[in-house]
């Protein structure tokens, strides 16, 4: 643990960081030394069907320290940030100090800034949005969004664009307007120790490759093979990085080495998006150098 980091036994701890930056190890060190329950803030680690490929804590790690919201959602469930917040609210009411760790920035912003209470999207509208995105691309969805929403969302993120389009179609109101009516946060930022791990590209890229090779050695390909019969790219759980690439290999569409390279490249791109998001949205957080952890 960073020597200068002062952590008491009661304040909630939030740890954000890009993939493969060492945030889970830091969370376990804090919980082991100072107490608390480790709470997942990763949108894909919630799914039961992925452990190796999403770098979920091992069964031994989960047995050694209390962990919550890992692998508790069915593979075909449309999990949401709203559901995550409700589950975190229950943990906070339970009285244990949470050490909340993950790479999904939206979860942290919803927790500390509040979340707009947007009605759920009807399944048929979500299917229509997925089909439209696949057939006509992002620009077709962006062209139908209101100006305030366009100015606020990440236009390069397909999931965010699709979500905004679905909200506008379902409610007749742009997602920006819903966000402007956001209620108070569940955990105000001043009531938590907020840590964000900074991991520069030249330090993180080799770790990403090494970690993916370790996943393969631990059985990631076999894990994907078990998921192959029910694999559907439209399901949120299918967004696990490495899953589409290894599925393509198992279907004979590319070699294992090509799948490995594609998955590592996809992970590096994802880490870049995470770093960009954290720099823009977590300026008030305490930054930790990943190399010092």
Protein backbone atom coordinates (compact mmCIF):
# COMPACT_ATOMS: atom_id res chain seq x y z
CA UNK A 1 0.00 0.00 0.00
CA UNK A 2 1.25 3.51 -0.73
CA UNK A 3 3.02 4.66 2.46
CA UNK A 4 1.45 8.17 2.41
CA UNK A 5 -2.09 6.85 2.10
CA UNK A 6 -4.05 7.40 5.29
CA UNK A 7 -7.03 5.04 5.55
CA UNK A 8 -9.25 4.66 8.59
CA UNK A 9 -11.55 1.73 9.31
CA UNK A 10 -14.88 3.46 8.75
CA UNK A 11 -14.68 5.66 5.64
CA UNK A 12 -15.86 4.03 2.39
CA UNK A 13 -13.02 3.60 -0.11
CA UNK A 14 -13.53 3.92 -3.86
CA UNK A 15 -10.80 2.60 -6.18
CA UNK A 16 -11.05 3.24 -9.91
CA UNK A 17 -8.47 2.33 -12.49
CA UNK A 18 -7.96 0.93 -15.97
CA UNK A 19 -7.93 -2.78 -16.60
CA UNK A 20 -4.81 -4.64 -15.41
CA UNK A 21 -3.62 -1.68 -13.31
CA UNK A 22 -3.57 -3.54 -9.98
CA UNK A 23 -6.71 -2.04 -8.44
CA UNK A 24 -8.12 -5.38 -7.21
CA UNK A 25 -4.88 -6.19 -5.41
CA UNK A 26 -4.98 -2.76 -3.75
CA UNK A 27 -8.59 -3.32 -2.67
CA UNK A 28 -7.70 -6.67 -1.11
CA UNK A 29 -4.71 -5.14 0.67
CA UNK A 30 -6.84 -2.36 2.13
CA UNK A 31 -9.64 -4.72 3.19
CA UNK A 32 -7.13 -7.17 4.64
CA UNK A 33 -5.33 -4.55 6.71
CA UNK A 34 -8.09 -2.10 7.55
CA UNK A 35 -11.25 -4.19 7.26
CA UNK A 36 -14.25 -3.87 5.02
CA UNK A 37 -16.12 -5.69 2.30
CA UNK A 38 -14.83 -5.56 -1.29
CA UNK A 39 -17.58 -4.47 -3.68
CA UNK A 40 -17.38 -4.91 -7.43
CA UNK A 41 -17.75 -1.86 -9.70
CA UNK A 42 -17.09 -3.59 -13.02
CA UNK A 43 -20.03 -4.00 -15.39
CA UNK A 44 -18.85 -7.36 -16.77
CA UNK A 45 -17.48 -8.99 -13.62
CA UNK A 46 -21.08 -9.20 -12.35
CA UNK A 47 -21.81 -12.04 -14.79
CA UNK A 48 -21.66 -15.61 -13.51
CA UNK A 49 -20.39 -17.11 -16.76
CA UNK A 50 -17.07 -15.26 -16.83
CA UNK A 51 -14.44 -15.60 -14.14
CA UNK A 52 -11.12 -16.12 -15.90
CA UNK A 53 -11.76 -13.85 -18.87
CA UNK A 54 -12.87 -10.91 -16.71
CA UNK A 55 -10.14 -11.40 -14.08
CA UNK A 56 -12.69 -11.85 -11.33
CA UNK A 57 -11.24 -12.68 -7.90
CA UNK A 58 -10.40 -16.35 -7.56
CA UNK A 59 -12.44 -18.64 -5.30
CA UNK A 60 -9.51 -18.57 -2.86
CA UNK A 61 -9.50 -14.76 -2.79
CA UNK A 62 -13.25 -14.66 -2.30
CA UNK A 63 -12.93 -17.10 0.59
CA UNK A 64 -10.14 -15.10 2.24
CA UNK A 65 -11.99 -11.75 2.26
CA UNK A 66 -15.66 -10.78 1.89
CA UNK A 67 -16.56 -9.93 -1.71
CA UNK A 68 -19.90 -8.68 -3.04
CA UNK A 69 -21.52 -8.28 -6.48
CA UNK A 70 -19.16 -10.61 -8.31
CA UNK A 71 -20.58 -13.27 -10.62
CA UNK A 72 -24.10 -12.95 -9.25
CA UNK A 73 -25.94 -12.17 -12.51
CA UNK A 74 -27.12 -14.64 -15.16
CA UNK A 75 -25.35 -14.46 -18.52
CA UNK A 76 -28.49 -13.29 -20.35
CA UNK A 77 -29.58 -10.68 -17.79
CA UNK A 78 -29.60 -7.01 -18.81
CA UNK A 79 -27.85 -5.68 -15.69
CA UNK A 80 -27.92 -1.90 -15.24
CA UNK A 81 -26.21 0.84 -13.28
CA UNK A 82 -29.52 1.46 -11.50
CA UNK A 83 -29.64 -2.13 -10.28
CA UNK A 84 -26.01 -1.89 -9.18
CA UNK A 85 -26.80 1.24 -7.16
CA UNK A 86 -29.72 -0.46 -5.44
CA UNK A 87 -27.50 -3.40 -4.50
CA UNK A 88 -24.77 -1.07 -3.21
CA UNK A 89 -27.41 0.78 -1.15
CA UNK A 90 -28.22 -2.51 0.58
CA UNK A 91 -24.53 -3.07 1.35
CA UNK A 92 -24.20 0.44 2.79
CA UNK A 93 -27.23 -0.17 5.01
CA UNK A 94 -25.59 -3.37 6.25
CA UNK A 95 -23.01 -1.37 8.17
CA UNK A 96 -19.78 -2.86 6.78
CA UNK A 97 -17.25 -0.41 5.37
CA UNK A 98 -17.23 -0.90 1.58
CA UNK A 99 -14.08 -0.94 -0.53
CA UNK A 100 -15.61 -0.41 -3.94
CA UNK A 101 -13.30 -1.28 -6.82
CA UNK A 102 -13.64 -1.44 -10.59
CA UNK A 103 -13.12 0.11 -13.96
CA UNK A 104 -16.66 1.16 -14.89
CA UNK A 105 -16.55 4.91 -14.47
CA UNK A 106 -20.30 5.29 -14.89
CA UNK A 107 -20.87 3.26 -11.72
CA UNK A 108 -18.67 5.59 -9.69
CA UNK A 109 -20.22 8.75 -11.11
CA UNK A 110 -23.72 7.40 -10.44
CA UNK A 111 -22.69 6.54 -6.87
CA UNK A 112 -21.11 9.90 -6.02
CA UNK A 113 -23.03 12.27 -8.31
CA UNK A 114 -26.46 10.64 -8.50
CA UNK A 115 -28.32 8.74 -11.20
CA UNK A 116 -31.26 9.92 -13.27
CA UNK A 117 -34.32 7.74 -12.68
CA UNK A 118 -34.90 6.82 -16.33
CA UNK A 119 -37.61 4.22 -17.07
CA UNK A 120 -36.43 0.83 -18.33
CA UNK A 121 -36.21 0.35 -22.09
CA UNK A 122 -38.78 -2.10 -23.52
CA UNK A 123 -37.06 -5.26 -24.85
CA UNK A 124 -38.46 -4.80 -28.35
CA UNK A 125 -37.05 -1.27 -28.54
CA UNK A 126 -33.65 -2.51 -27.39
CA UNK A 127 -33.68 -5.15 -30.12
CA UNK A 128 -34.61 -2.49 -32.68
CA UNK A 129 -31.76 -0.29 -31.49
CA UNK A 130 -29.27 -3.17 -31.69
CA UNK A 131 -30.39 -4.01 -35.22
CA UNK A 132 -30.26 -0.38 -36.33
CA UNK A 133 -26.77 0.03 -34.92
CA UNK A 134 -25.57 -3.13 -36.67
CA UNK A 135 -27.13 -2.21 -40.01
CA UNK A 136 -26.58 1.55 -40.21
CA UNK A 137 -23.88 2.34 -37.67
CA UNK A 138 -23.48 5.00 -34.99
CA UNK A 139 -24.25 7.93 -37.26
CA UNK A 140 -27.81 6.74 -37.82
CA UNK A 141 -28.48 6.79 -34.08
CA UNK A 142 -26.59 10.03 -33.47
CA UNK A 143 -28.62 11.79 -36.17
CA UNK A 144 -31.79 11.27 -34.12
CA UNK A 145 -30.53 12.56 -30.77
CA UNK A 146 -31.27 16.01 -29.37
CA UNK A 147 -28.56 18.69 -29.30
CA UNK A 148 -28.06 18.66 -25.50
CA UNK A 149 -27.54 14.90 -25.47
CA UNK A 150 -25.16 15.07 -28.44
CA UNK A 151 -23.06 17.65 -26.62
CA UNK A 152 -22.79 15.48 -23.52
CA UNK A 153 -22.32 11.82 -24.51
CA UNK A 154 -19.28 10.01 -25.80
CA UNK A 155 -20.16 9.77 -29.50
CA UNK A 156 -17.58 7.04 -30.10
CA UNK A 157 -19.02 4.67 -27.51
CA UNK A 158 -21.67 2.45 -29.16
CA UNK A 159 -23.23 1.39 -25.85
CA UNK A 160 -23.67 4.99 -24.66
CA UNK A 161 -25.06 6.12 -28.02
CA UNK A 162 -27.49 3.23 -28.19
CA UNK A 163 -28.63 3.88 -24.62
CA UNK A 164 -29.27 7.55 -25.40
CA UNK A 165 -31.24 6.62 -28.54
CA UNK A 166 -33.33 4.07 -26.63
CA UNK A 167 -34.16 6.58 -23.88
CA UNK A 168 -35.21 9.24 -26.36
CA UNK A 169 -37.40 6.83 -28.32
CA UNK A 170 -38.94 5.26 -25.21
CA UNK A 171 -39.66 8.44 -23.24
CA UNK A 172 -39.79 11.25 -25.80
CA UNK A 173 -37.19 13.04 -23.70
CA UNK A 174 -33.44 13.26 -24.25
CA UNK A 175 -31.12 11.54 -21.82
CA UNK A 176 -29.50 14.91 -21.04
CA UNK A 177 -32.84 16.21 -19.74
CA UNK A 178 -33.22 13.14 -17.55
CA UNK A 179 -29.69 13.64 -16.22
CA UNK A 180 -30.43 17.27 -15.36
CA UNK A 181 -33.20 16.02 -13.04
CA UNK A 182 -30.80 13.73 -11.16
CA UNK A 183 -31.56 13.12 -7.44
CA UNK A 184 -28.88 13.44 -4.71
CA UNK A 185 -26.10 10.82 -4.74
CA UNK A 186 -26.19 7.67 -2.66
CA UNK A 187 -22.64 8.35 -1.41
CA UNK A 188 -21.63 12.05 -1.56
CA UNK A 189 -17.98 12.36 -2.65
CA UNK A 190 -16.83 14.09 0.53
CA UNK A 191 -17.93 11.06 2.55
CA UNK A 192 -15.53 8.65 0.81
CA UNK A 193 -11.83 8.23 0.14
CA UNK A 194 -11.69 8.38 -3.66
CA UNK A 195 -8.64 6.85 -5.35
CA UNK A 196 -7.93 6.63 -9.07
CA UNK A 197 -4.97 4.63 -10.36
CA UNK A 198 -2.95 6.24 -13.11
CA UNK A 199 -1.30 3.69 -15.41
CA UNK A 200 0.51 5.14 -18.44
CA UNK A 201 0.37 3.29 -21.73
CA UNK A 202 4.03 2.24 -21.80
CA UNK A 203 3.64 0.69 -18.33
CA UNK A 204 0.21 -0.86 -18.83
CA UNK A 205 0.45 -2.33 -22.34
CA UNK A 206 2.98 -5.07 -21.46
CA UNK A 207 0.92 -5.98 -18.37
CA UNK A 208 -2.20 -6.36 -20.50
CA UNK A 209 -0.44 -8.82 -22.82
CA UNK A 210 1.05 -10.76 -19.91
CA UNK A 211 -2.30 -10.95 -18.15
CA UNK A 212 -4.11 -12.24 -21.24
CA UNK A 213 -1.49 -14.95 -21.69
CA UNK A 214 -2.00 -15.87 -18.03
CA UNK A 215 -5.75 -16.08 -18.64
CA UNK A 216 -5.16 -18.47 -21.51
CA UNK A 217 -2.90 -20.58 -19.31
CA UNK A 218 -5.59 -20.62 -16.61
CA UNK A 219 -8.24 -21.92 -19.00
CA UNK A 220 -9.85 -18.89 -20.68
CA UNK A 221 -10.31 -20.78 -23.95
CA UNK A 222 -12.12 -23.60 -22.16
CA UNK A 223 -14.29 -21.05 -20.38
CA UNK A 224 -15.28 -19.55 -23.73
CA UNK A 225 -15.95 -23.03 -25.12
CA UNK A 226 -18.42 -23.64 -22.29
CA UNK A 227 -20.20 -20.41 -23.19
CA UNK A 228 -20.19 -21.03 -26.94
CA UNK A 229 -23.61 -22.75 -27.31
CA UNK A 230 -25.47 -19.78 -25.78
CA UNK A 231 -23.13 -16.99 -26.95
CA UNK A 232 -25.05 -14.03 -28.38
CA UNK A 233 -23.16 -10.83 -29.31
CA UNK A 234 -26.25 -8.78 -28.42
CA UNK A 235 -26.12 -9.80 -24.76
CA UNK A 236 -24.28 -7.46 -22.36
CA UNK A 237 -22.23 -10.36 -20.99
CA UNK A 238 -20.85 -10.97 -24.49
CA UNK A 239 -18.98 -7.65 -24.20
CA UNK A 240 -16.30 -9.37 -22.10
CA UNK A 241 -13.08 -8.45 -23.86
CA UNK A 242 -11.55 -11.52 -25.42
CA UNK A 243 -14.84 -13.38 -25.69
CA UNK A 244 -15.73 -12.40 -29.29
CA UNK A 245 -12.17 -13.05 -30.40
CA UNK A 246 -11.91 -16.50 -28.79
CA UNK A 247 -15.40 -17.38 -30.02
CA UNK A 248 -14.23 -16.54 -33.54
CA UNK A 249 -11.25 -18.86 -33.06
CA UNK A 250 -13.42 -21.71 -31.78
CA UNK A 251 -15.68 -21.27 -34.80
CA UNK A 252 -12.70 -21.61 -37.11
CA UNK A 253 -12.74 -17.97 -38.22
CA UNK A 254 -9.22 -17.13 -37.02
CA UNK A 255 -6.19 -18.79 -35.48
CA UNK A 256 -5.66 -18.78 -31.75
CA UNK A 257 -2.66 -16.46 -32.15
CA UNK A 258 -4.74 -14.02 -34.20
CA UNK A 259 -7.48 -14.15 -31.57
CA UNK A 260 -4.91 -13.51 -28.86
CA UNK A 261 -3.50 -10.48 -30.68
CA UNK A 262 -6.99 -9.11 -31.38
CA UNK A 263 -8.03 -9.51 -27.75
CA UNK A 264 -4.89 -7.80 -26.46
CA UNK A 265 -5.41 -4.93 -28.89
CA UNK A 266 -9.06 -4.59 -27.83
CA UNK A 267 -8.03 -4.54 -24.17
CA UNK A 268 -5.46 -1.81 -24.79
CA UNK A 269 -8.05 0.29 -26.59
CA UNK A 270 -10.47 -0.22 -23.74
CA UNK A 271 -7.82 0.87 -21.22
CA UNK A 272 -7.22 4.01 -23.27
CA UNK A 273 -10.94 4.86 -23.13
CA UNK A 274 -10.91 4.26 -19.37
CA UNK A 275 -7.93 6.56 -18.86
CA UNK A 276 -9.61 9.28 -20.92
CA UNK A 277 -12.84 8.96 -18.91
CA UNK A 278 -11.03 9.03 -15.56
CA UNK A 279 -9.00 12.12 -16.51
CA UNK A 280 -12.15 13.96 -17.55
CA UNK A 281 -14.46 12.89 -14.73
CA UNK A 282 -12.24 12.17 -11.70
CA UNK A 283 -10.18 15.31 -11.34
CA UNK A 284 -11.08 15.61 -7.67
CA UNK A 285 -9.94 12.08 -6.84
CA UNK A 286 -6.59 11.20 -5.28
CA UNK A 287 -4.32 9.88 -8.03
CA UNK A 288 -2.04 6.92 -7.37
CA UNK A 289 0.80 5.87 -9.65
CA UNK A 290 0.24 2.22 -10.58
CA UNK A 291 4.00 1.59 -10.54
CA UNK A 292 4.12 2.53 -6.84
CA UNK A 293 1.45 0.08 -5.69
